[in-house]
Amino acid sequence: MFEFIAFLVALVAATVVAIYGHSRSRAFSRRRLRYTRVAERPGIAGVMVGVGTALLAAPVVALLPIVGAGTAMALGAGVGSGVAMGSRDPME
């Protein structure tokens, strides 16, 4: 029973972290990166930022008791997709 509860807590944590990372990185790239060269190649930039975020988050989540590598990968995917989508957003 504890394993199932721990799995649900880790799943909810990964989902929340991915959604938060996506929304914040999309807002940042829409606001700050639209005039840079990142806006010209949003797919490449999204992949690079996502992989970098996952690599930087991996040691942090390794120290936490319930979450694991899946949370770091979810954060990387969320941030990468946020950068890619934010740089494609129309300029305001």
PDB file of N, CA and C in Angstrom:
ATOM      1  N   MET A   1       0.817  -1.196   0.000  1.00  0.00           N
ATOM      2  CA  MET A   1       0.000   0.000   0.000  1.00  0.00           C
ATOM      3  C   MET A   1       0.863   1.263   0.000  1.00  0.00           C
ATOM      4  N   PHE A   2       1.951   1.252   0.770  1.00  0.00           N
ATOM      5  CA  PHE A   2       2.827   2.417   0.816  1.00  0.00           C
ATOM      6  C   PHE A   2       3.462   2.697  -0.544  1.00  0.00           C
ATOM      7  N   GLU A   3       3.802   1.640  -1.270  1.00  0.00           N
ATOM      8  CA  GLU A   3       4.417   1.833  -2.576  1.00  0.00           C
ATOM      9  C   GLU A   3       3.460   2.534  -3.535  1.00  0.00           C
ATOM     10  N   PHE A   4       2.193   2.185  -3.464  1.00  0.00           N
ATOM     11  CA  PHE A   4       1.203   2.810  -4.340  1.00  0.00           C
ATOM     12  C   PHE A   4       1.018   4.283  -3.989  1.00  0.00           C
ATOM     13  N   ILE A   5       0.966   4.596  -2.716  1.00  0.00           N
ATOM     14  CA  ILE A   5       0.824   5.992  -2.283  1.00  0.00           C
ATOM     15  C   ILE A   5       2.058   6.794  -2.674  1.00  0.00           C
ATOM     16  N   ALA A   6       3.238   6.210  -2.492  1.00  0.00           N
ATOM     17  CA  ALA A   6       4.470   6.892  -2.891  1.00  0.00           C
ATOM     18  C   ALA A   6       4.503   7.129  -4.392  1.00  0.00           C
ATOM     19  N   PHE A   7       4.013   6.156  -5.162  1.00  0.00           N
ATOM     20  CA  PHE A   7       3.938   6.323  -6.613  1.00  0.00           C
ATOM     21  C   PHE A   7       3.009   7.470  -6.986  1.00  0.00           C
ATOM     22  N   LEU A   8       1.850   7.553  -6.344  1.00  0.00           N
ATOM     23  CA  LEU A   8       0.906   8.632  -6.634  1.00  0.00           C
ATOM     24  C   LEU A   8       1.476   9.994  -6.250  1.00  0.00           C
ATOM     25  N   VAL A   9       2.154  10.068  -5.122  1.00  0.00           N
ATOM     26  CA  VAL A   9       2.770  11.336  -4.703  1.00  0.00           C
ATOM     27  C   VAL A   9       3.841  11.748  -5.705  1.00  0.00           C
ATOM     28  N   ALA A  10       4.661  10.801  -6.147  1.00  0.00           N
ATOM     29  CA  ALA A  10       5.704  11.112  -7.124  1.00  0.00           C
ATOM     30  C   ALA A  10       5.095  11.520  -8.462  1.00  0.00           C
ATOM     31  N   LEU A  11       4.020  10.882  -8.867  1.00  0.00           N
ATOM     32  CA  LEU A  11       3.361  11.222 -10.123  1.00  0.00           C
ATOM     33  C   LEU A  11       2.763  12.624 -10.069  1.00  0.00           C
ATOM     34  N   VAL A  12       2.114  12.954  -8.976  1.00  0.00           N
ATOM     35  CA  VAL A  12       1.546  14.297  -8.822  1.00  0.00           C
ATOM     36  C   VAL A  12       2.654  15.342  -8.771  1.00  0.00           C
ATOM     37  N   ALA A  13       3.743  15.046  -8.060  1.00  0.00           N
ATOM     38  CA  ALA A  13       4.858  15.992  -7.983  1.00  0.00           C
ATOM     39  C   ALA A  13       5.479  16.226  -9.356  1.00  0.00           C
ATOM     40  N   ALA A  14       5.664  15.175 -10.131  1.00  0.00           N
ATOM     41  CA  ALA A  14       6.241  15.319 -11.466  1.00  0.00           C
ATOM     42  C   ALA A  14       5.317  16.112 -12.380  1.00  0.00           C
ATOM     43  N   THR A  15       4.026  15.882 -12.264  1.00  0.00           N
ATOM     44  CA  THR A  15       3.066  16.610 -13.094  1.00  0.00           C
ATOM     45  C   THR A  15       3.055  18.092 -12.744  1.00  0.00           C
ATOM     46  N   VAL A  16       3.027  18.392 -11.463  1.00  0.00           N
ATOM     47  CA  VAL A  16       3.010  19.796 -11.030  1.00  0.00           C
ATOM     48  C   VAL A  16       4.293  20.506 -11.447  1.00  0.00           C
ATOM     49  N   VAL A  17       5.421  19.850 -11.279  1.00  0.00           N
ATOM     50  CA  VAL A  17       6.707  20.459 -11.648  1.00  0.00           C
ATOM     51  C   VAL A  17       6.777  20.684 -13.159  1.00  0.00           C
ATOM     52  N   ALA A  18       6.289  19.740 -13.948  1.00  0.00           N
ATOM     53  CA  ALA A  18       6.324  19.892 -15.402  1.00  0.00           C
ATOM     54  C   ALA A  18       5.426  21.035 -15.861  1.00  0.00           C
ATOM     55  N   ILE A  19       4.232  21.140 -15.288  1.00  0.00           N
ATOM     56  CA  ILE A  19       3.323  22.220 -15.684  1.00  0.00           C
ATOM     57  C   ILE A  19       3.878  23.571 -15.261  1.00  0.00           C
ATOM     58  N   TYR A  20       4.424  23.652 -14.058  1.00  0.00           N
ATOM     59  CA  TYR A  20       4.998  24.908 -13.586  1.00  0.00           C
ATOM     60  C   TYR A  20       6.208  25.313 -14.439  1.00  0.00           C
ATOM     61  N   GLY A  21       7.086  24.355 -14.734  1.00  0.00           N
ATOM     62  CA  GLY A  21       8.247  24.648 -15.575  1.00  0.00           C
ATOM     63  C   GLY A  21       7.852  25.094 -16.965  1.00  0.00           C
ATOM     64  N   HIS A  22       6.834  24.468 -17.514  1.00  0.00           N
ATOM     65  CA  HIS A  22       6.359  24.854 -18.842  1.00  0.00           C
ATOM     66  C   HIS A  22       5.806  26.279 -18.842  1.00  0.00           C
ATOM     67  N   SER A  23       4.955  26.582 -17.887  1.00  0.00           N
ATOM     68  CA  SER A  23       4.325  27.913 -17.888  1.00  0.00           C
ATOM     69  C   SER A  23       5.336  29.023 -17.634  1.00  0.00           C
ATOM     70  N   ARG A  24       6.265  28.815 -16.725  1.00  0.00           N
ATOM     71  CA  ARG A  24       7.254  29.856 -16.428  1.00  0.00           C
ATOM     72  C   ARG A  24       8.244  30.034 -17.575  1.00  0.00           C
ATOM     73  N   SER A  25       8.701  28.940 -18.181  1.00  0.00           N
ATOM     74  CA  SER A  25       9.656  29.079 -19.283  1.00  0.00           C
ATOM     75  C   SER A  25       8.986  29.640 -20.531  1.00  0.00           C
ATOM     76  N   ARG A  26       7.719  29.331 -20.740  1.00  0.00           N
ATOM     77  CA  ARG A  26       7.014  29.896 -21.887  1.00  0.00           C
ATOM     78  C   ARG A  26       6.851  31.405 -21.716  1.00  0.00           C
ATOM     79  N   ALA A  27       6.485  31.835 -20.521  1.00  0.00           N
ATOM     80  CA  ALA A  27       6.344  33.273 -20.268  1.00  0.00           C
ATOM     81  C   ALA A  27       7.687  33.980 -20.403  1.00  0.00           C
ATOM     82  N   PHE A  28       8.753  33.359 -19.904  1.00  0.00           N
ATOM     83  CA  PHE A  28      10.077  33.979 -20.001  1.00  0.00           C
ATOM     84  C   PHE A  28      10.529  34.089 -21.445  1.00  0.00           C
ATOM     85  N   SER A  29      10.373  33.013 -22.210  1.00  0.00           N
ATOM     86  CA  SER A  29      10.836  33.069 -23.597  1.00  0.00           C
ATOM     87  C   SER A  29       9.967  33.994 -24.440  1.00  0.00           C
ATOM     88  N   ARG A  30       8.701  34.111 -24.133  1.00  0.00           N
ATOM     89  CA  ARG A  30       7.837  35.040 -24.847  1.00  0.00           C
ATOM     90  C   ARG A  30       8.239  36.484 -24.548  1.00  0.00           C
ATOM     91  N   ARG A  31       8.576  36.748 -23.297  1.00  0.00           N
ATOM     92  CA  ARG A  31       8.865  38.105 -22.862  1.00  0.00           C
ATOM     93  C   ARG A  31      10.307  38.521 -23.172  1.00  0.00           C
ATOM     94  N   ARG A  32      11.265  37.638 -22.967  1.00  0.00           N
ATOM     95  CA  ARG A  32      12.674  38.027 -23.027  1.00  0.00           C
ATOM     96  C   ARG A  32      13.442  37.536 -24.244  1.00  0.00           C
ATOM     97  N   LEU A  33      13.069  36.421 -24.791  1.00  0.00           N
ATOM     98  CA  LEU A  33      13.891  35.809 -25.841  1.00  0.00           C
ATOM     99  C   LEU A  33      13.351  35.997 -27.243  1.00  0.00           C
ATOM    100  N   ARG A  34      12.319  36.785 -27.408  1.00  0.00           N
ATOM    101  CA  ARG A  34      11.725  36.893 -28.738  1.00  0.00           C
ATOM    102  C   ARG A  34      12.585  37.676 -29.722  1.00  0.00           C
ATOM    103  N   TYR A  35      13.482  38.508 -29.238  1.00  0.00           N
ATOM    104  CA  TYR A  35      14.326  39.300 -30.133  1.00  0.00           C
ATOM    105  C   TYR A  35      15.717  38.685 -30.315  1.00  0.00           C
ATOM    106  N   THR A  36      15.924  37.490 -29.833  1.00  0.00           N
ATOM    107  CA  THR A  36      17.227  36.849 -29.960  1.00  0.00           C
ATOM    108  C   THR A  36      17.193  35.813 -31.073  1.00  0.00           C
ATOM    109  N   ARG A  37      18.317  35.178 -31.292  1.00  0.00           N
ATOM    110  CA  ARG A  37      18.399  34.152 -32.328  1.00  0.00           C
ATOM    111  C   ARG A  37      17.678  32.875 -31.926  1.00  0.00           C
ATOM    112  N   VAL A  38      17.327  32.748 -30.657  1.00  0.00           N
ATOM    113  CA  VAL A  38      16.584  31.570 -30.206  1.00  0.00           C
ATOM    114  C   VAL A  38      15.234  31.493 -30.905  1.00  0.00           C
ATOM    115  N   ALA A  39      14.645  32.638 -31.175  1.00  0.00           N
ATOM    116  CA  ALA A  39      13.325  32.662 -31.811  1.00  0.00           C
ATOM    117  C   ALA A  39      13.368  32.136 -33.243  1.00  0.00           C
ATOM    118  N   GLU A  40      14.546  32.130 -33.857  1.00  0.00           N
ATOM    119  CA  GLU A  40      14.655  31.639 -35.225  1.00  0.00           C
ATOM    120  C   GLU A  40      14.601  30.112 -35.299  1.00  0.00           C
ATOM    121  N   ARG A  41      15.109  29.427 -34.282  1.00  0.00           N
ATOM    122  CA  ARG A  41      15.132  27.962 -34.249  1.00  0.00           C
ATOM    123  C   ARG A  41      14.552  27.469 -32.927  1.00  0.00           C
ATOM    124  N   PRO A  42      13.241  27.575 -32.720  1.00  0.00           N
ATOM    125  CA  PRO A  42      12.671  27.240 -31.411  1.00  0.00           C
ATOM    126  C   PRO A  42      12.759  25.759 -31.062  1.00  0.00           C
ATOM    127  N   GLY A  43      12.741  24.883 -32.048  1.00  0.00           N
ATOM    128  CA  GLY A  43      12.806  23.453 -31.758  1.00  0.00           C
ATOM    129  C   GLY A  43      14.149  23.046 -31.179  1.00  0.00           C
ATOM    130  N   ILE A  44      15.211  23.528 -31.777  1.00  0.00           N
ATOM    131  CA  ILE A  44      16.563  23.223 -31.295  1.00  0.00           C
ATOM    132  C   ILE A  44      16.766  23.806 -29.904  1.00  0.00           C
ATOM    133  N   ALA A  45      16.326  25.034 -29.713  1.00  0.00           N
ATOM    134  CA  ALA A  45      16.492  25.684 -28.408  1.00  0.00           C
ATOM    135  C   ALA A  45      15.692  24.950 -27.336  1.00  0.00           C
ATOM    136  N   GLY A  46      14.497  24.502 -27.667  1.00  0.00           N
ATOM    137  CA  GLY A  46      13.690  23.773 -26.696  1.00  0.00           C
ATOM    138  C   GLY A  46      14.335  22.469 -26.258  1.00  0.00           C
ATOM    139  N   VAL A  47      14.900  21.752 -27.209  1.00  0.00           N
ATOM    140  CA  VAL A  47      15.568  20.491 -26.884  1.00  0.00           C
ATOM    141  C   VAL A  47      16.800  20.750 -26.025  1.00  0.00           C
ATOM    142  N   MET A  48      17.589  21.739 -26.400  1.00  0.00           N
ATOM    143  CA  MET A  48      18.810  22.033 -25.636  1.00  0.00           C
ATOM    144  C   MET A  48      18.483  22.464 -24.210  1.00  0.00           C
ATOM    145  N   VAL A  49      17.502  23.336 -24.064  1.00  0.00           N
ATOM    146  CA  VAL A  49      17.134  23.804 -22.729  1.00  0.00           C
ATOM    147  C   VAL A  49      16.511  22.672 -21.918  1.00  0.00           C
ATOM    148  N   GLY A  50      15.693  21.848 -22.546  1.00  0.00           N
ATOM    149  CA  GLY A  50      15.076  20.735 -21.838  1.00  0.00           C
ATOM    150  C   GLY A  50      16.084  19.714 -21.336  1.00  0.00           C
ATOM    151  N   VAL A  51      17.042  19.364 -22.175  1.00  0.00           N
ATOM    152  CA  VAL A  51      18.078  18.412 -21.760  1.00  0.00           C
ATOM    153  C   VAL A  51      18.942  19.015 -20.652  1.00  0.00           C
ATOM    154  N   GLY A  52      19.295  20.285 -20.807  1.00  0.00           N
ATOM    155  CA  GLY A  52      20.092  20.946 -19.773  1.00  0.00           C
ATOM    156  C   GLY A  52      19.364  21.018 -18.446  1.00  0.00           C
ATOM    157  N   THR A  53      18.087  21.304 -18.477  1.00  0.00           N
ATOM    158  CA  THR A  53      17.307  21.366 -17.245  1.00  0.00           C
ATOM    159  C   THR A  53      17.201  19.996 -16.591  1.00  0.00           C
ATOM    160  N   ALA A  54      16.981  18.968 -17.383  1.00  0.00           N
ATOM    161  CA  ALA A  54      16.901  17.618 -16.826  1.00  0.00           C
ATOM    162  C   ALA A  54      18.230  17.202 -16.200  1.00  0.00           C
ATOM    163  N   LEU A  55      19.338  17.555 -16.853  1.00  0.00           N
ATOM    164  CA  LEU A  55      20.646  17.206 -16.295  1.00  0.00           C
ATOM    165  C   LEU A  55      20.944  17.975 -15.004  1.00  0.00           C
ATOM    166  N   LEU A  56      20.519  19.221 -14.945  1.00  0.00           N
ATOM    167  CA  LEU A  56      20.742  19.995 -13.727  1.00  0.00           C
ATOM    168  C   LEU A  56      19.808  19.573 -12.595  1.00  0.00           C
ATOM    169  N   ALA A  57      18.625  19.108 -12.929  1.00  0.00           N
ATOM    170  CA  ALA A  57      17.668  18.705 -11.894  1.00  0.00           C
ATOM    171  C   ALA A  57      17.927  17.289 -11.386  1.00  0.00           C
ATOM    172  N   ALA A  58      18.642  16.476 -12.129  1.00  0.00           N
ATOM    173  CA  ALA A  58      18.861  15.080 -11.735  1.00  0.00           C
ATOM    174  C   ALA A  58      19.557  14.940 -10.382  1.00  0.00           C
ATOM    175  N   PRO A  59      20.645  15.662 -10.100  1.00  0.00           N
ATOM    176  CA  PRO A  59      21.259  15.507  -8.777  1.00  0.00           C
ATOM    177  C   PRO A  59      20.355  15.999  -7.643  1.00  0.00           C
ATOM    178  N   VAL A  60      19.537  16.992  -7.920  1.00  0.00           N
ATOM    179  CA  VAL A  60      18.656  17.517  -6.880  1.00  0.00           C
ATOM    180  C   VAL A  60      17.584  16.500  -6.516  1.00  0.00           C
ATOM    181  N   VAL A  61      16.943  15.912  -7.521  1.00  0.00           N
ATOM    182  CA  VAL A  61      15.893  14.946  -7.224  1.00  0.00           C
ATOM    183  C   VAL A  61      16.452  13.629  -6.713  1.00  0.00           C
ATOM    184  N   ALA A  62      17.732  13.374  -6.945  1.00  0.00           N
ATOM    185  CA  ALA A  62      18.340  12.159  -6.399  1.00  0.00           C
ATOM    186  C   ALA A  62      18.430  12.229  -4.879  1.00  0.00           C
ATOM    187  N   LEU A  63      18.468  13.421  -4.330  1.00  0.00           N
ATOM    188  CA  LEU A  63      18.548  13.586  -2.877  1.00  0.00           C
ATOM    189  C   LEU A  63      17.182  13.537  -2.201  1.00  0.00           C
ATOM    190  N   LEU A  64      16.120  13.699  -2.964  1.00  0.00           N
ATOM    191  CA  LEU A  64      14.781  13.712  -2.388  1.00  0.00           C
ATOM    192  C   LEU A  64      14.262  12.286  -2.218  1.00  0.00           C
ATOM    193  N   PRO A  65      13.471  12.024  -1.173  1.00  0.00           N
ATOM    194  CA  PRO A  65      13.132  10.634  -0.865  1.00  0.00           C
ATOM    195  C   PRO A  65      12.136   9.957  -1.806  1.00  0.00           C
ATOM    196  N   ILE A  66      11.130  10.652  -2.300  1.00  0.00           N
ATOM    197  CA  ILE A  66      10.087   9.961  -3.070  1.00  0.00           C
ATOM    198  C   ILE A  66      10.253  10.160  -4.567  1.00  0.00           C
ATOM    199  N   VAL A  67      10.552  11.370  -4.996  1.00  0.00           N
ATOM    200  CA  VAL A  67      10.670  11.631  -6.429  1.00  0.00           C
ATOM    201  C   VAL A  67      11.996  11.095  -6.946  1.00  0.00           C
ATOM    202  N   GLY A  68      12.074  10.931  -8.272  1.00  0.00           N
ATOM    203  CA  GLY A  68      13.286  10.362  -8.841  1.00  0.00           C
ATOM    204  C   GLY A  68      13.604  10.936 -10.203  1.00  0.00           C
ATOM    205  N   ALA A  69      14.207  10.118 -11.020  1.00  0.00           N
ATOM    206  CA  ALA A  69      14.656  10.559 -12.338  1.00  0.00           C
ATOM    207  C   ALA A  69      13.484  10.947 -13.234  1.00  0.00           C
ATOM    208  N   GLY A  70      12.343  10.342 -13.045  1.00  0.00           N
ATOM    209  CA  GLY A  70      11.176  10.694 -13.845  1.00  0.00           C
ATOM    210  C   GLY A  70      10.749  12.133 -13.631  1.00  0.00           C
ATOM    211  N   THR A  71      10.904  12.626 -12.420  1.00  0.00           N
ATOM    212  CA  THR A  71      10.565  14.015 -12.132  1.00  0.00           C
ATOM    213  C   THR A  71      11.523  14.958 -12.845  1.00  0.00           C
ATOM    214  N   ALA A  72      12.802  14.625 -12.871  1.00  0.00           N
ATOM    215  CA  ALA A  72      13.772  15.456 -13.581  1.00  0.00           C
ATOM    216  C   ALA A  72      13.484  15.458 -15.078  1.00  0.00           C
ATOM    217  N   MET A  73      13.115  14.312 -15.622  1.00  0.00           N
ATOM    218  CA  MET A  73      12.792  14.250 -17.046  1.00  0.00           C
ATOM    219  C   MET A  73      11.510  15.009 -17.357  1.00  0.00           C
ATOM    220  N   ALA A  74      10.524  14.935 -16.452  1.00  0.00           N
ATOM    221  CA  ALA A  74       9.287  15.687 -16.660  1.00  0.00           C
ATOM    222  C   ALA A  74       9.544  17.183 -16.603  1.00  0.00           C
ATOM    223  N   LEU A  75      10.393  17.611 -15.691  1.00  0.00           N
ATOM    224  CA  LEU A  75      10.750  19.033 -15.621  1.00  0.00           C
ATOM    225  C   LEU A  75      11.466  19.469 -16.891  1.00  0.00           C
ATOM    226  N   GLY A  76      12.398  18.669 -17.373  1.00  0.00           N
ATOM    227  CA  GLY A  76      13.098  18.991 -18.614  1.00  0.00           C
ATOM    228  C   GLY A  76      12.161  19.066 -19.805  1.00  0.00           C
ATOM    229  N   ALA A  77      11.222  18.138 -19.876  1.00  0.00           N
ATOM    230  CA  ALA A  77      10.253  18.160 -20.978  1.00  0.00           C
ATOM    231  C   ALA A  77       9.349  19.383 -20.886  1.00  0.00           C
ATOM    232  N   GLY A  78       8.942  19.730 -19.678  1.00  0.00           N
ATOM    233  CA  GLY A  78       8.086  20.902 -19.504  1.00  0.00           C
ATOM    234  C   GLY A  78       8.784  22.195 -19.858  1.00  0.00           C
ATOM    235  N   VAL A  79      10.010  22.346 -19.392  1.00  0.00           N
ATOM    236  CA  VAL A  79      10.762  23.574 -19.682  1.00  0.00           C
ATOM    237  C   VAL A  79      11.106  23.647 -21.169  1.00  0.00           C
ATOM    238  N   GLY A  80      11.519  22.530 -21.747  1.00  0.00           N
ATOM    239  CA  GLY A  80      11.840  22.526 -23.182  1.00  0.00           C
ATOM    240  C   GLY A  80      10.649  22.863 -24.053  1.00  0.00           C
ATOM    241  N   SER A  81       9.503  22.290 -23.738  1.00  0.00           N
ATOM    242  CA  SER A  81       8.315  22.607 -24.536  1.00  0.00           C
ATOM    243  C   SER A  81       7.861  24.037 -24.303  1.00  0.00           C
ATOM    244  N   GLY A  82       8.065  24.553 -23.097  1.00  0.00           N
ATOM    245  CA  GLY A  82       7.710  25.942 -22.825  1.00  0.00           C
ATOM    246  C   GLY A  82       8.564  26.919 -23.613  1.00  0.00           C
ATOM    247  N   VAL A  83       9.856  26.645 -23.710  1.00  0.00           N
ATOM    248  CA  VAL A  83      10.742  27.514 -24.493  1.00  0.00           C
ATOM    249  C   VAL A  83      10.385  27.436 -25.973  1.00  0.00           C
ATOM    250  N   ALA A  84      10.147  26.234 -26.464  1.00  0.00           N
ATOM    251  CA  ALA A  84       9.811  26.082 -27.883  1.00  0.00           C
ATOM    252  C   ALA A  84       8.496  26.775 -28.217  1.00  0.00           C
ATOM    253  N   MET A  85       7.503  26.622 -27.377  1.00  0.00           N
ATOM    254  CA  MET A  85       6.208  27.244 -27.656  1.00  0.00           C
ATOM    255  C   MET A  85       6.232  28.743 -27.403  1.00  0.00           C
ATOM    256  N   GLY A  86       6.975  29.182 -26.403  1.00  0.00           N
ATOM    257  CA  GLY A  86       7.043  30.608 -26.108  1.00  0.00           C
ATOM    258  C   GLY A  86       7.747  31.402 -27.185  1.00  0.00           C
ATOM    259  N   SER A  87       8.744  30.802 -27.812  1.00  0.00           N
ATOM    260  CA  SER A  87       9.434  31.525 -28.870  1.00  0.00           C
ATOM    261  C   SER A  87       8.617  31.561 -30.155  1.00  0.00           C
ATOM    262  N   ARG A  88       7.622  30.684 -30.279  1.00  0.00           N
ATOM    263  CA  ARG A  88       6.740  30.702 -31.447  1.00  0.00           C
ATOM    264  C   ARG A  88       5.517  31.590 -31.261  1.00  0.00           C
ATOM    265  N   ASP A  89       5.258  32.005 -30.032  1.00  0.00           N
ATOM    266  CA  ASP A  89       4.099  32.855 -29.773  1.00  0.00           C
ATOM    267  C   ASP A  89       4.211  34.158 -30.537  1.00  0.00           C
ATOM    268  N   PRO A  90       3.109  34.696 -30.997  1.00  0.00           N
ATOM    269  CA  PRO A  90       3.176  35.988 -31.704  1.00  0.00           C
ATOM    270  C   PRO A  90       3.634  37.094 -30.771  1.00  0.00           C
ATOM    271  N   MET A  91       4.349  38.023 -31.337  1.00  0.00           N
ATOM    272  CA  MET A  91       4.868  39.129 -30.525  1.00  0.00           C
ATOM    273  C   MET A  91       3.724  40.060 -30.164  1.00  0.00           C
ATOM    274  N   GLU A  92       3.734  40.477 -28.911  1.00  0.00           N
ATOM    275  CA  GLU A  92       2.645  41.308 -28.405  1.00  0.00           C
ATOM    276  C   GLU A  92       2.933  42.772 -28.622  1.00  0.00           C
TER     277      GLU A  92
END
